[in-house]
């Protein structure tokens, strides 16, 4: 039986961490985080563990041994103890579910007390990096309706149900997600936020903050890189005043700048194989980019788009994971 106890004081021993996703180290030893799908894992022996986190208004899931125990949905500081876990070794994990385009959350650690032992953090043999937009985020994926309010979109987004984490679990891989709803390679949805497409946001440690930025000492090196960008570049007509004379000019700029973005990524990720998601309206453009960069295009079609605002449903996310798994594991 699980008892959830709000703890009055921190336990004595902090667990070593396996961190998936980008985080910014805080002066007090905590970690600020804002990108989708960030997770923290620790291992220990004993029957209880405590987590200390400031959710910052985001929804987080706390699991032990692969079983989700509780979702943290209230804003602010939380100290939570999971008790009566049984003897032996356990893995505790905290996952960020929702998307924050401004602000951040803060993780202060997992802690165990007397009679328990901290163990080395979990590790996996593979690493995958996912770069994308709302499809990668898992925008509103828990919704059974396409009609959603802004608050419903937030609350029903769950990156753990998106294709990236699904695929990573199948391949026993750690992963990192750098994705932002509404952004493209050169143009964002309906032309909003000009000059701030995904490549411009990519260096940030916290998505809504210009600083801090990823440093040259970032040693996280993926085996595979999956990029899904293009839906927002082409899903709405050009508006007056945008910098492209016509759609042909937009597509040429998309292809050229996508190639440059991928080449820069490959230079800092020399062992990563690159896979590009190709949607219906820009499949030929992605095919050309793949030819120019040595990447592999993975065509994604026939989605039901039953989640918020015609976004991929849970079934769509599983289908995307299926097609990417076939591409990545192909001999």
Protein backbone atom coordinates (compact mmCIF):
# COMPACT_ATOMS: atom_id res chain seq x y z
CA UNK A 1 0.00 0.00 0.00
CA UNK A 2 1.20 3.49 -0.86
CA UNK A 3 1.03 6.33 1.61
CA UNK A 4 1.54 9.87 0.36
CA UNK A 5 2.87 12.00 3.18
CA UNK A 6 3.71 15.68 2.99
CA UNK A 7 7.10 15.77 4.64
CA UNK A 8 8.10 18.42 7.12
CA UNK A 9 11.83 18.08 6.61
CA UNK A 10 14.21 16.77 4.01
CA UNK A 11 15.57 13.26 4.35
CA UNK A 12 19.29 12.94 4.82
CA UNK A 13 20.72 11.45 1.62
CA UNK A 14 20.26 12.83 -1.91
CA UNK A 15 20.12 10.26 -4.70
CA UNK A 16 22.54 10.51 -7.65
CA UNK A 17 20.55 11.51 -10.73
CA UNK A 18 20.05 10.46 -14.30
CA UNK A 19 18.67 13.57 -16.01
CA UNK A 20 16.89 13.44 -19.34
CA UNK A 21 16.53 16.78 -21.06
CA UNK A 22 18.06 20.20 -20.65
CA UNK A 23 18.32 21.72 -17.20
CA UNK A 24 19.93 24.84 -15.76
CA UNK A 25 21.86 24.42 -12.51
CA UNK A 26 20.63 26.76 -9.78
CA UNK A 27 22.97 28.28 -7.15
CA UNK A 28 21.47 26.10 -4.40
CA UNK A 29 22.23 22.87 -6.29
CA UNK A 30 18.71 22.51 -7.67
CA UNK A 31 17.82 22.28 -11.37
CA UNK A 32 15.54 24.63 -13.30
CA UNK A 33 13.83 23.08 -16.31
CA UNK A 34 11.28 24.09 -18.92
CA UNK A 35 11.62 22.03 -22.11
CA UNK A 36 9.01 19.29 -22.63
CA UNK A 37 9.60 15.77 -21.39
CA UNK A 38 12.41 16.54 -18.92
CA UNK A 39 12.83 13.72 -16.40
CA UNK A 40 14.89 12.87 -13.32
CA UNK A 41 15.66 9.33 -12.10
CA UNK A 42 17.32 7.86 -9.02
CA UNK A 43 17.96 4.39 -7.56
CA UNK A 44 17.90 3.33 -3.94
CA UNK A 45 17.26 0.47 -1.54
CA UNK A 46 14.65 0.92 1.14
CA UNK A 47 10.92 1.34 1.55
CA UNK A 48 10.49 5.11 1.12
CA UNK A 49 11.70 8.08 -0.90
CA UNK A 50 11.00 11.78 -0.85
CA UNK A 51 10.84 14.24 -3.75
CA UNK A 52 11.21 18.00 -3.42
CA UNK A 53 10.10 20.09 -6.41
CA UNK A 54 8.55 23.43 -7.29
CA UNK A 55 6.18 22.63 -10.15
CA UNK A 56 6.03 26.21 -11.39
CA UNK A 57 2.47 25.61 -12.57
CA UNK A 58 3.33 22.55 -14.67
CA UNK A 59 2.03 19.01 -14.27
CA UNK A 60 4.58 16.39 -13.24
CA UNK A 61 4.28 12.63 -12.75
CA UNK A 62 6.07 10.69 -10.01
CA UNK A 63 6.70 6.99 -10.62
CA UNK A 64 8.39 4.15 -8.78
CA UNK A 65 9.61 1.04 -10.59
CA UNK A 66 7.78 2.08 -13.74
CA UNK A 67 4.40 2.53 -12.04
CA UNK A 68 2.94 6.04 -11.93
CA UNK A 69 2.08 6.78 -8.32
CA UNK A 70 0.85 10.36 -8.40
CA UNK A 71 0.56 13.40 -10.67
CA UNK A 72 1.54 16.77 -9.21
CA UNK A 73 -0.86 19.36 -10.63
CA UNK A 74 -0.86 22.09 -8.00
CA UNK A 75 1.37 25.08 -8.54
CA UNK A 76 4.25 25.72 -6.19
CA UNK A 77 6.60 23.97 -3.81
CA UNK A 78 5.89 20.32 -3.00
CA UNK A 79 7.61 17.93 -0.59
CA UNK A 80 6.16 14.50 -1.05
CA UNK A 81 7.10 11.19 0.52
CA UNK A 82 6.27 7.83 -1.03
CA UNK A 83 6.20 5.22 1.72
CA UNK A 84 5.62 1.46 2.11
CA UNK A 85 7.35 0.64 -1.16
CA UNK A 86 8.60 -2.72 0.06
CA UNK A 87 12.18 -3.86 0.64
CA UNK A 88 14.86 -4.09 -2.03
CA UNK A 89 16.01 -1.88 -4.89
CA UNK A 90 13.73 0.75 -6.45
CA UNK A 91 13.89 3.34 -9.24
CA UNK A 92 12.11 6.64 -8.69
CA UNK A 93 11.33 8.97 -11.59
CA UNK A 94 9.82 12.43 -12.06
CA UNK A 95 8.50 13.36 -15.54
CA UNK A 96 7.42 16.76 -16.84
CA UNK A 97 4.10 16.27 -18.66
CA UNK A 98 2.94 19.72 -19.74
CA UNK A 99 4.48 22.40 -21.97
CA UNK A 100 5.79 25.68 -20.54
CA UNK A 101 6.58 28.35 -23.11
CA UNK A 102 7.46 30.78 -20.32
CA UNK A 103 8.64 30.22 -16.77
CA UNK A 104 10.17 27.03 -15.45
CA UNK A 105 9.98 24.40 -12.73
CA UNK A 106 12.67 23.60 -10.16
CA UNK A 107 13.75 20.13 -9.02
CA UNK A 108 15.55 19.97 -5.69
CA UNK A 109 16.11 16.23 -5.46
CA UNK A 110 15.13 12.76 -4.38
CA UNK A 111 16.03 11.90 -0.79
CA UNK A 112 16.16 8.75 1.34
CA UNK A 113 16.52 8.44 5.09
CA UNK A 114 17.96 6.12 7.70
CA UNK A 115 17.82 2.46 6.73
CA UNK A 116 17.93 3.22 3.00
CA UNK A 117 20.88 3.40 0.65
CA UNK A 118 21.46 5.64 -2.37
CA UNK A 119 22.60 3.70 -5.44
CA UNK A 120 24.19 4.84 -8.72
CA UNK A 121 21.67 6.45 -11.05
CA UNK A 122 20.03 4.40 -13.81
CA UNK A 123 21.65 4.46 -17.24
CA UNK A 124 20.69 3.14 -20.67
CA UNK A 125 22.75 1.98 -23.65
CA UNK A 126 21.27 4.42 -26.19
CA UNK A 127 20.46 8.12 -26.48
CA UNK A 128 17.94 9.81 -28.77
CA UNK A 129 17.37 13.54 -29.25
CA UNK A 130 14.01 14.81 -30.51
CA UNK A 131 13.60 18.29 -31.99
CA UNK A 132 10.19 19.48 -33.08
CA UNK A 133 6.93 21.31 -32.58
CA UNK A 134 3.56 20.54 -30.98
CA UNK A 135 3.47 17.04 -32.46
CA UNK A 136 6.68 16.24 -30.57
CA UNK A 137 5.36 17.95 -27.43
CA UNK A 138 2.20 15.82 -27.29
CA UNK A 139 -0.03 18.91 -27.50
CA UNK A 140 -3.43 18.19 -25.96
CA UNK A 141 -2.92 14.48 -26.57
CA UNK A 142 -5.09 13.38 -23.65
CA UNK A 143 -8.14 15.11 -25.12
CA UNK A 144 -10.94 13.09 -26.68
CA UNK A 145 -12.15 16.24 -28.45
CA UNK A 146 -10.63 18.64 -30.95
CA UNK A 147 -12.33 21.56 -29.20
CA UNK A 148 -10.17 22.75 -26.31
CA UNK A 149 -9.73 25.93 -24.32
CA UNK A 150 -6.24 27.27 -23.66
CA UNK A 151 -6.27 25.85 -20.14
CA UNK A 152 -7.47 22.48 -21.43
CA UNK A 153 -4.63 22.37 -23.93
CA UNK A 154 -2.18 22.91 -21.09
CA UNK A 155 -3.73 20.37 -18.75
CA UNK A 156 -4.29 17.70 -21.43
CA UNK A 157 -0.79 17.91 -22.91
CA UNK A 158 1.31 14.92 -21.86
CA UNK A 159 4.73 14.57 -23.46
CA UNK A 160 5.12 11.09 -21.96
CA UNK A 161 2.39 9.97 -24.41
CA UNK A 162 4.15 11.49 -27.45
CA UNK A 163 6.07 9.43 -29.98
CA UNK A 164 9.52 10.34 -28.62
CA UNK A 165 9.19 8.82 -25.14
CA UNK A 166 7.22 5.89 -26.59
CA UNK A 167 10.05 5.16 -29.03
CA UNK A 168 12.74 5.64 -26.40
CA UNK A 169 11.07 3.17 -24.05
CA UNK A 170 10.93 0.57 -26.82
CA UNK A 171 14.61 1.04 -27.64
CA UNK A 172 15.77 1.28 -24.01
CA UNK A 173 17.15 4.76 -24.65
CA UNK A 174 17.58 7.92 -22.64
CA UNK A 175 16.20 10.92 -24.48
CA UNK A 176 16.17 14.67 -24.72
CA UNK A 177 13.29 16.70 -26.18
CA UNK A 178 13.74 20.23 -27.52
CA UNK A 179 10.34 21.18 -28.92
CA UNK A 180 8.07 24.23 -28.91
CA UNK A 181 4.48 24.32 -30.15
CA UNK A 182 3.78 26.57 -33.11
CA UNK A 183 7.39 26.94 -34.31
CA UNK A 184 8.90 26.01 -37.66
CA UNK A 185 12.23 26.11 -39.45
CA UNK A 186 11.84 29.62 -40.88
CA UNK A 187 8.19 30.50 -40.21
CA UNK A 188 5.94 29.97 -37.22
CA UNK A 189 2.23 29.22 -37.18
CA UNK A 190 0.35 32.00 -39.01
CA UNK A 191 3.53 34.09 -39.08
CA UNK A 192 3.64 34.77 -35.33
CA UNK A 193 6.88 35.64 -33.50
CA UNK A 194 8.87 36.50 -36.65
CA UNK A 195 12.57 35.83 -36.31
CA UNK A 196 12.00 33.27 -33.56
CA UNK A 197 11.58 29.90 -35.30
CA UNK A 198 12.82 26.70 -33.70
CA UNK A 199 16.50 27.06 -34.74
CA UNK A 200 16.60 30.41 -32.91
CA UNK A 201 15.15 28.89 -29.72
CA UNK A 202 17.23 25.74 -29.90
CA UNK A 203 20.31 26.98 -27.94
CA UNK A 204 18.27 27.93 -24.88
CA UNK A 205 18.43 25.94 -21.64
CA UNK A 206 14.96 27.22 -20.70
CA UNK A 207 12.65 27.69 -23.70
CA UNK A 208 11.11 31.00 -22.63
CA UNK A 209 14.41 32.59 -21.59
CA UNK A 210 17.08 34.01 -23.89
CA UNK A 211 19.69 33.24 -21.22
CA UNK A 212 21.22 30.94 -20.09
CA UNK A 213 22.20 29.07 -23.25
CA UNK A 214 23.67 25.66 -23.93
CA UNK A 215 27.43 25.82 -23.40
CA UNK A 216 30.29 24.27 -25.32
CA UNK A 217 30.76 21.87 -22.39
CA UNK A 218 27.45 20.11 -23.10
CA UNK A 219 28.69 16.55 -23.53
CA UNK A 220 25.30 14.90 -24.16
CA UNK A 221 25.80 13.03 -27.43
CA UNK A 222 22.87 11.15 -29.02
CA UNK A 223 23.04 8.05 -31.19
CA UNK A 224 20.00 9.18 -33.17
CA UNK A 225 18.49 12.57 -33.89
CA UNK A 226 14.80 12.79 -34.86
CA UNK A 227 13.57 16.14 -36.19
CA UNK A 228 9.97 17.00 -37.01
CA UNK A 229 9.69 20.56 -38.32
CA UNK A 230 7.64 21.97 -41.19
CA UNK A 231 4.00 21.77 -40.21
CA UNK A 232 3.97 25.35 -38.92
CA UNK A 233 5.97 26.70 -41.85
CA UNK A 234 3.24 25.68 -44.30
CA UNK A 235 -0.04 25.12 -42.44
CA UNK A 236 -1.31 28.70 -42.93
CA UNK A 237 -1.19 31.08 -45.93
CA UNK A 238 1.41 33.81 -46.03
CA UNK A 239 0.25 37.09 -44.54
CA UNK A 240 0.93 40.57 -46.00
CA UNK A 241 4.29 41.86 -44.82
CA UNK A 242 5.98 38.50 -44.34
CA UNK A 243 9.45 38.33 -45.93
CA UNK A 244 8.66 35.76 -48.65
CA UNK A 245 7.28 36.89 -52.00
CA UNK A 246 5.30 33.69 -52.45
CA UNK A 247 5.07 30.08 -51.31
CA UNK A 248 7.84 28.98 -53.66
CA UNK A 249 10.23 31.43 -52.00
CA UNK A 250 9.13 30.20 -48.56
CA UNK A 251 9.78 26.59 -49.53
CA UNK A 252 13.23 27.40 -50.92
CA UNK A 253 14.14 29.26 -47.72
CA UNK A 254 12.79 26.37 -45.64
CA UNK A 255 14.93 23.85 -47.49
CA UNK A 256 18.11 25.92 -47.39
CA UNK A 257 17.86 26.86 -43.72
CA UNK A 258 16.80 23.38 -42.70
CA UNK A 259 19.93 22.02 -44.39
CA UNK A 260 22.08 24.56 -42.53
CA UNK A 261 20.42 23.70 -39.20
CA UNK A 262 20.97 19.97 -39.69
CA UNK A 263 24.57 20.44 -40.77
CA UNK A 264 25.30 22.43 -37.62
CA UNK A 265 23.64 19.76 -35.49
CA UNK A 266 25.63 17.01 -37.17
CA UNK A 267 28.90 18.85 -36.53
CA UNK A 268 28.27 18.74 -32.78
CA UNK A 269 26.69 15.26 -32.84
CA UNK A 270 29.07 13.31 -35.08
CA UNK A 271 27.82 9.82 -34.20
CA UNK A 272 24.10 10.57 -34.54
CA UNK A 273 22.05 9.19 -37.42
CA UNK A 274 19.48 11.79 -38.49
CA UNK A 275 15.82 11.06 -39.22
CA UNK A 276 13.45 13.72 -40.56
CA UNK A 277 9.68 13.47 -40.16
CA UNK A 278 7.92 14.29 -43.44
CA UNK A 279 4.28 15.36 -43.27
CA UNK A 280 1.78 15.41 -46.11
CA UNK A 281 2.17 19.06 -47.16
CA UNK A 282 5.96 19.24 -47.13
CA UNK A 283 7.13 15.69 -47.85
CA UNK A 284 8.95 16.62 -51.06
CA UNK A 285 10.77 19.46 -49.33
CA UNK A 286 11.93 17.12 -46.55
CA UNK A 287 13.03 14.55 -49.12
CA UNK A 288 15.25 17.16 -50.76
CA UNK A 289 16.67 18.22 -47.38
CA UNK A 290 17.39 14.58 -46.56
CA UNK A 291 19.22 14.10 -49.86
CA UNK A 292 21.38 17.17 -49.19
CA UNK A 293 22.29 16.21 -45.62
CA UNK A 294 22.52 12.42 -45.67
CA UNK A 295 19.51 12.15 -43.35
CA UNK A 296 16.64 9.70 -43.76
CA UNK A 297 13.13 11.01 -44.37
CA UNK A 298 10.32 9.15 -42.56
CA UNK A 299 6.89 9.75 -44.09
CA UNK A 300 4.03 10.19 -41.63
CA UNK A 301 0.53 10.08 -43.14
CA UNK A 302 -3.05 9.06 -42.31
CA UNK A 303 -3.32 10.53 -38.82
CA UNK A 304 -6.78 10.94 -37.32
CA UNK A 305 -5.74 14.13 -35.48
CA UNK A 306 -8.37 13.65 -32.81
CA UNK A 307 -6.67 15.60 -30.01
CA UNK A 308 -6.91 19.33 -29.22
CA UNK A 309 -7.07 21.60 -32.29
CA UNK A 310 -6.61 18.73 -34.74
CA UNK A 311 -3.38 17.52 -33.20
CA UNK A 312 -2.16 13.91 -33.15
CA UNK A 313 -4.15 11.57 -30.92
CA UNK A 314 -2.67 8.88 -28.71
CA UNK A 315 -3.19 6.42 -31.59
CA UNK A 316 -1.37 8.79 -33.97
CA UNK A 317 1.54 9.08 -31.56
CA UNK A 318 1.87 5.28 -31.40
CA UNK A 319 1.75 5.12 -35.21
CA UNK A 320 4.53 7.71 -35.49
CA UNK A 321 6.62 5.72 -33.00
CA UNK A 322 6.00 2.58 -35.08
CA UNK A 323 7.25 4.20 -38.29
CA UNK A 324 10.27 5.78 -36.65
CA UNK A 325 11.18 2.52 -34.92
CA UNK A 326 11.05 0.72 -38.27
CA UNK A 327 13.36 3.33 -39.79
CA UNK A 328 15.83 3.39 -36.91
CA UNK A 329 16.08 -0.38 -36.56
CA UNK A 330 16.22 -1.12 -40.29
CA UNK A 331 19.43 -2.82 -41.38
